Amino acid sequence: MQAISHTFYMTWRQLRNLARQPWYVAFTLVQPIVYLLLFGSLFQKVVQLPGFGSDSYITFLTPGVVIMTAMFSAGWNGMSMVDDLDRGILDRFLVSPVNRPAIIAGRLVQSSTVIVIQSVIIIFLGWLRGASFPGGIDGIILLIVCAILLAAPFAALSNGMALVMRKEESVIGAVNFILLPLTFLSPVFMARDLMPSWMQSVTSYNPVTWAITAGREVLKPDADLSLVWSRVGYLAVFAVISVVLATRAFRAYQRSI
């Protein structure tokens, strides 16, 4: 019960911080909207390639942009941890009896809230551009769930890196170093079957691919649920491992001060 109450408190703190800066959500949507609108127009004829597997590029692209946006949004979650470190707020939490996983969990819930808002906006814009979602509302909800499941481990790792590196510049560099390759080594913009063979092999072990595969599948009218649940399982395991690592980063931070 104590862990739950601490998590609720930390979540409420993070949500209050988010409410004070609502423009944060708008600013983080600029890049994905550019991808959605410009790439959706630029590559709309790529579906004519044999083996692409979709009749509409905007329908293909929209779930990918939802997943990509969630990942990048989560990747910057550690910036607030650095801010708390600089202002001495985290030190006050660490000398209190607050549950350590609750500190991470509160940030993950705040990140998930942002991702839900972002995802709804992107899906709506994709629909305006002509994207179709045969899976209906249930499929859209499951797509957002997949986005959150991908975002959770990256948000946790971002906070873990913040605790270890303690500098915004270092965290930004590390986040870009990890997330950009993962994005382009996944089927966000291109069908997996049309990638070079070595890239296809790499994408099989890419968490971004797991989320995109599950997210696109749930939007189909005849979704392969066994495929979906297997990818969801991979993401859940990845999330648990990441949260454990992020929580242990508190020890590394405390040993360094």
Protein backbone atom coordinates (compact mmCIF):
# COMPACT_ATOMS: atom_id res chain seq x y z
CA MET A 1 0.00 0.00 0.00
CA GLN A 2 2.85 2.38 0.81
CA ALA A 3 4.37 1.94 -2.65
CA ILE A 4 0.98 2.69 -4.24
CA SER A 5 0.43 5.83 -2.17
CA HIS A 6 3.95 7.07 -2.95
CA THR A 7 3.42 6.39 -6.65
CA PHE A 8 0.16 8.34 -6.55
CA TYR A 9 1.88 11.29 -4.88
CA MET A 10 4.77 11.34 -7.35
CA THR A 11 2.36 10.98 -10.27
CA TRP A 12 0.27 13.88 -9.00
CA ARG A 13 3.41 16.00 -8.70
CA GLN A 14 4.44 15.25 -12.30
CA LEU A 15 0.94 15.91 -13.65
CA ARG A 16 0.83 19.26 -11.87
CA ASN A 17 4.14 20.15 -13.50
CA LEU A 18 2.70 19.18 -16.88
CA ALA A 19 -0.40 21.30 -16.28
CA ARG A 20 1.83 24.31 -15.67
CA GLN A 21 3.47 23.95 -19.09
CA PRO A 22 0.80 22.67 -21.53
CA TRP A 23 2.72 24.09 -24.49
CA TYR A 24 5.25 21.29 -23.99
CA VAL A 25 2.86 18.88 -25.70
CA ALA A 26 2.41 21.24 -28.66
CA PHE A 27 6.15 21.76 -29.12
CA THR A 28 6.85 18.02 -29.10
CA LEU A 29 4.29 17.55 -31.88
CA VAL A 30 6.03 19.81 -34.41
CA GLN A 31 8.47 17.20 -35.73
CA PRO A 32 5.99 14.28 -35.98
CA ILE A 33 3.45 16.50 -37.74
CA VAL A 34 6.14 17.47 -40.26
CA TYR A 35 6.91 13.79 -40.81
CA LEU A 36 3.24 12.93 -41.16
CA LEU A 37 2.31 15.71 -43.56
CA LEU A 38 5.49 16.06 -45.63
CA PHE A 39 6.62 12.44 -45.73
CA GLY A 40 3.03 11.37 -46.29
CA SER A 41 2.96 13.49 -49.45
CA LEU A 42 6.55 12.90 -50.54
CA PHE A 43 6.41 9.09 -50.43
CA GLN A 44 2.74 8.50 -51.24
CA LYS A 45 3.60 6.61 -54.46
CA VAL A 46 5.97 4.21 -52.71
CA VAL A 47 2.99 1.90 -52.14
CA GLN A 48 3.19 1.05 -55.84
CA LEU A 49 6.38 -0.91 -55.21
CA PRO A 50 5.79 -4.66 -55.40
CA GLY A 51 5.60 -6.20 -51.94
CA PHE A 52 4.93 -2.96 -50.05
CA GLY A 53 1.79 -4.46 -48.55
CA SER A 54 -0.43 -1.37 -48.27
CA ASP A 55 -2.59 0.60 -50.67
CA SER A 56 -2.24 3.90 -48.80
CA TYR A 57 1.02 5.34 -47.55
CA ILE A 58 -0.67 7.67 -45.07
CA THR A 59 -2.50 4.67 -43.57
CA PHE A 60 0.85 2.88 -43.34
CA LEU A 61 2.71 5.92 -41.97
CA THR A 62 0.31 7.14 -39.28
CA PRO A 63 0.80 4.25 -36.79
CA GLY A 64 4.55 4.49 -37.33
CA VAL A 65 4.56 8.20 -36.50
CA VAL A 66 2.46 7.53 -33.39
CA ILE A 67 5.02 4.99 -32.17
CA MET A 68 8.01 7.15 -33.13
CA THR A 69 6.56 10.19 -31.35
CA ALA A 70 5.95 8.19 -28.19
CA MET A 71 9.53 6.93 -28.20
CA PHE A 72 11.11 10.36 -28.65
CA SER A 73 8.77 11.98 -26.14
CA ALA A 74 9.75 9.32 -23.62
CA GLY A 75 13.42 9.74 -24.47
CA TRP A 76 13.35 13.34 -23.24
CA ASN A 77 11.65 12.37 -19.97
CA GLY A 78 14.98 12.36 -18.17
CA MET A 79 15.37 16.12 -18.67
CA SER A 80 13.06 16.79 -15.73
CA MET A 81 15.16 14.43 -13.62
CA VAL A 82 18.26 16.51 -14.44
CA ASP A 83 16.31 19.62 -13.45
CA ASP A 84 15.37 18.03 -10.12
CA LEU A 85 19.01 17.12 -9.58
CA ASP A 86 20.21 20.66 -10.29
CA ARG A 87 17.67 22.20 -7.91
CA GLY A 88 18.34 19.69 -5.13
CA ILE A 89 14.79 18.34 -5.20
CA LEU A 90 15.85 14.75 -5.80
CA ASP A 91 18.28 14.84 -2.87
CA ARG A 92 15.41 15.80 -0.58
CA PHE A 93 13.34 12.89 -1.90
CA LEU A 94 16.21 10.46 -1.39
CA VAL A 95 16.65 11.34 2.29
CA SER A 96 12.92 10.85 2.82
CA PRO A 97 11.21 7.44 3.10
CA VAL A 98 9.69 7.77 -0.38
CA ASN A 99 9.69 4.54 -2.37
CA ARG A 100 12.42 4.66 -5.08
CA PRO A 101 10.41 2.91 -7.84
CA ALA A 102 7.59 5.40 -7.14
CA ILE A 103 9.86 8.25 -8.26
CA ILE A 104 10.32 6.54 -11.62
CA ALA A 105 6.70 5.36 -11.84
CA GLY A 106 5.35 8.89 -11.38
CA ARG A 107 7.40 10.09 -14.33
CA LEU A 108 6.26 7.14 -16.46
CA VAL A 109 2.59 7.93 -15.81
CA GLN A 110 3.18 11.57 -16.72
CA SER A 111 4.94 10.47 -19.90
CA SER A 112 2.04 8.13 -20.73
CA THR A 113 -0.43 10.99 -20.31
CA VAL A 114 1.51 13.12 -22.79
CA ILE A 115 1.69 10.22 -25.23
CA VAL A 116 -2.07 9.64 -25.13
CA ILE A 117 -2.68 13.30 -26.03
CA GLN A 118 -0.04 13.27 -28.76
CA SER A 119 -1.30 10.00 -30.23
CA VAL A 120 -4.90 11.18 -30.44
CA ILE A 121 -3.83 14.35 -32.27
CA ILE A 122 -1.59 12.46 -34.72
CA ILE A 123 -4.27 9.86 -35.45
CA PHE A 124 -6.81 12.63 -36.04
CA LEU A 125 -4.45 14.44 -38.43
CA GLY A 126 -3.73 11.17 -40.23
CA TRP A 127 -7.46 10.59 -40.60
CA LEU A 128 -7.87 14.09 -42.06
CA ARG A 129 -5.12 13.26 -44.58
CA GLY A 130 -6.98 10.13 -45.64
CA ALA A 131 -5.70 7.39 -43.35
CA SER A 132 -8.15 4.60 -42.62
CA PHE A 133 -8.36 2.47 -39.48
CA PRO A 134 -10.41 -0.67 -40.19
CA GLY A 135 -9.74 -1.91 -36.67
CA GLY A 136 -12.02 0.84 -35.37
CA ILE A 137 -11.86 2.46 -31.94
CA ASP A 138 -10.64 -0.75 -30.30
CA GLY A 139 -7.72 -0.90 -32.71
CA ILE A 140 -6.85 2.76 -32.11
CA ILE A 141 -6.89 2.24 -28.34
CA LEU A 142 -4.62 -0.78 -28.68
CA LEU A 143 -2.27 1.22 -30.92
CA ILE A 144 -1.95 3.83 -28.18
CA VAL A 145 -1.35 1.07 -25.63
CA CYS A 146 1.50 -0.22 -27.82
CA ALA A 147 2.93 3.30 -27.96
CA ILE A 148 2.83 3.56 -24.15
CA LEU A 149 4.43 0.13 -23.74
CA LEU A 150 7.31 1.24 -25.96
CA ALA A 151 7.60 4.63 -24.28
CA ALA A 152 7.74 3.25 -20.72
CA PRO A 153 11.14 1.54 -21.02
CA PHE A 154 12.69 4.46 -22.89
CA ALA A 155 11.39 6.94 -20.32
CA ALA A 156 12.79 4.76 -17.55
CA LEU A 157 16.17 4.47 -19.28
CA SER A 158 16.20 8.22 -19.93
CA ASN A 159 15.76 8.85 -16.20
CA GLY A 160 18.41 6.26 -15.42
CA MET A 161 20.88 8.00 -17.75
CA ALA A 162 20.00 11.34 -16.13
CA LEU A 163 20.90 9.91 -12.72
CA VAL A 164 24.21 8.57 -13.99
CA MET A 165 25.26 11.43 -16.32
CA ARG A 166 23.63 14.37 -14.47
CA LYS A 167 24.13 16.75 -17.41
CA GLU A 168 21.49 17.75 -19.96
CA GLU A 169 24.02 17.82 -22.80
CA SER A 170 25.15 14.28 -22.07
CA VAL A 171 21.61 12.93 -21.81
CA ILE A 172 20.58 14.67 -25.06
CA GLY A 173 23.58 13.20 -26.86
CA ALA A 174 22.93 9.71 -25.52
CA VAL A 175 19.21 9.86 -26.34
CA ASN A 176 19.86 10.92 -29.94
CA PHE A 177 22.60 8.31 -30.29
CA ILE A 178 20.14 5.57 -29.30
CA LEU A 179 16.79 6.71 -30.71
CA LEU A 180 17.74 7.90 -34.20
CA PRO A 181 19.29 4.57 -35.30
CA LEU A 182 16.40 2.65 -33.74
CA THR A 183 13.95 4.78 -35.74
CA PHE A 184 15.59 4.22 -39.11
CA LEU A 185 16.26 0.55 -38.35
CA SER A 186 12.52 -0.02 -37.99
CA PRO A 187 9.59 -0.03 -40.44
CA VAL A 188 8.40 3.48 -39.51
CA PHE A 189 8.76 4.86 -43.03
CA MET A 190 9.35 1.77 -45.16
CA ALA A 191 7.89 -1.72 -45.28
CA ARG A 192 10.21 -4.26 -43.68
CA ASP A 193 10.14 -6.57 -46.72
CA LEU A 194 11.66 -3.82 -48.89
CA MET A 195 14.60 -3.16 -46.58
CA PRO A 196 18.08 -4.59 -47.24
CA SER A 197 18.45 -8.07 -45.81
CA TRP A 198 20.84 -6.99 -43.05
CA MET A 199 18.41 -4.32 -41.91
CA GLN A 200 15.58 -6.85 -41.85
CA SER A 201 17.66 -9.00 -39.52
CA VAL A 202 18.37 -6.06 -37.20
CA THR A 203 14.74 -4.92 -37.10
CA SER A 204 13.68 -8.27 -35.67
CA TYR A 205 15.44 -7.35 -32.40
CA ASN A 206 14.38 -3.70 -32.39
CA PRO A 207 11.74 -2.77 -29.76
CA VAL A 208 10.45 -0.05 -32.11
CA THR A 209 9.66 -2.75 -34.66
CA TRP A 210 7.77 -4.78 -32.05
CA ALA A 211 5.57 -1.79 -31.22
CA ILE A 212 4.98 -0.82 -34.85
CA THR A 213 4.21 -4.39 -35.90
CA ALA A 214 1.66 -4.79 -33.10
CA GLY A 215 0.25 -1.29 -33.66
CA ARG A 216 -0.34 -1.79 -37.37
CA GLU A 217 -1.73 -5.27 -36.85
CA VAL A 218 -4.43 -4.14 -34.38
CA LEU A 219 -5.69 -1.63 -36.94
CA LYS A 220 -6.49 -4.39 -39.41
CA PRO A 221 -10.04 -5.81 -39.53
CA ASP A 222 -8.69 -9.36 -39.13
CA ALA A 223 -5.77 -8.80 -36.74
CA ASP A 224 -3.49 -11.72 -35.90
CA LEU A 225 -3.83 -11.61 -32.11
CA SER A 226 -1.07 -14.14 -31.52
CA LEU A 227 1.36 -11.80 -33.31
CA VAL A 228 0.07 -8.82 -31.35
CA TRP A 229 0.32 -10.44 -27.93
CA SER A 230 3.79 -11.82 -28.60
CA ARG A 231 5.09 -8.32 -29.43
CA VAL A 232 3.25 -6.85 -26.45
CA GLY A 233 4.93 -9.48 -24.27
CA TYR A 234 8.37 -8.50 -25.59
CA LEU A 235 7.64 -4.84 -24.83
CA ALA A 236 6.39 -5.65 -21.32
CA VAL A 237 9.57 -7.59 -20.51
CA PHE A 238 11.67 -4.75 -21.91
CA ALA A 239 9.75 -2.27 -19.75
CA VAL A 240 10.24 -4.29 -16.55
CA ILE A 241 13.98 -4.65 -17.18
CA SER A 242 14.31 -0.92 -17.91
CA VAL A 243 12.44 0.14 -14.77
CA VAL A 244 14.67 -2.14 -12.66
CA LEU A 245 17.80 -0.62 -14.23
CA ALA A 246 16.49 2.92 -13.74
CA THR A 247 15.71 2.22 -10.08
CA ARG A 248 19.19 0.82 -9.51
CA ALA A 249 20.63 4.02 -11.00
CA PHE A 250 19.64 5.74 -7.74
CA ARG A 251 22.36 3.71 -6.01
CA ALA A 252 24.95 4.85 -8.56
CA TYR A 253 23.89 8.45 -8.00
CA GLN A 254 24.00 8.19 -4.20
CA ARG A 255 27.46 6.59 -4.29
CA SER A 256 28.75 9.50 -6.37
CA ILE A 257 27.72 12.24 -3.93
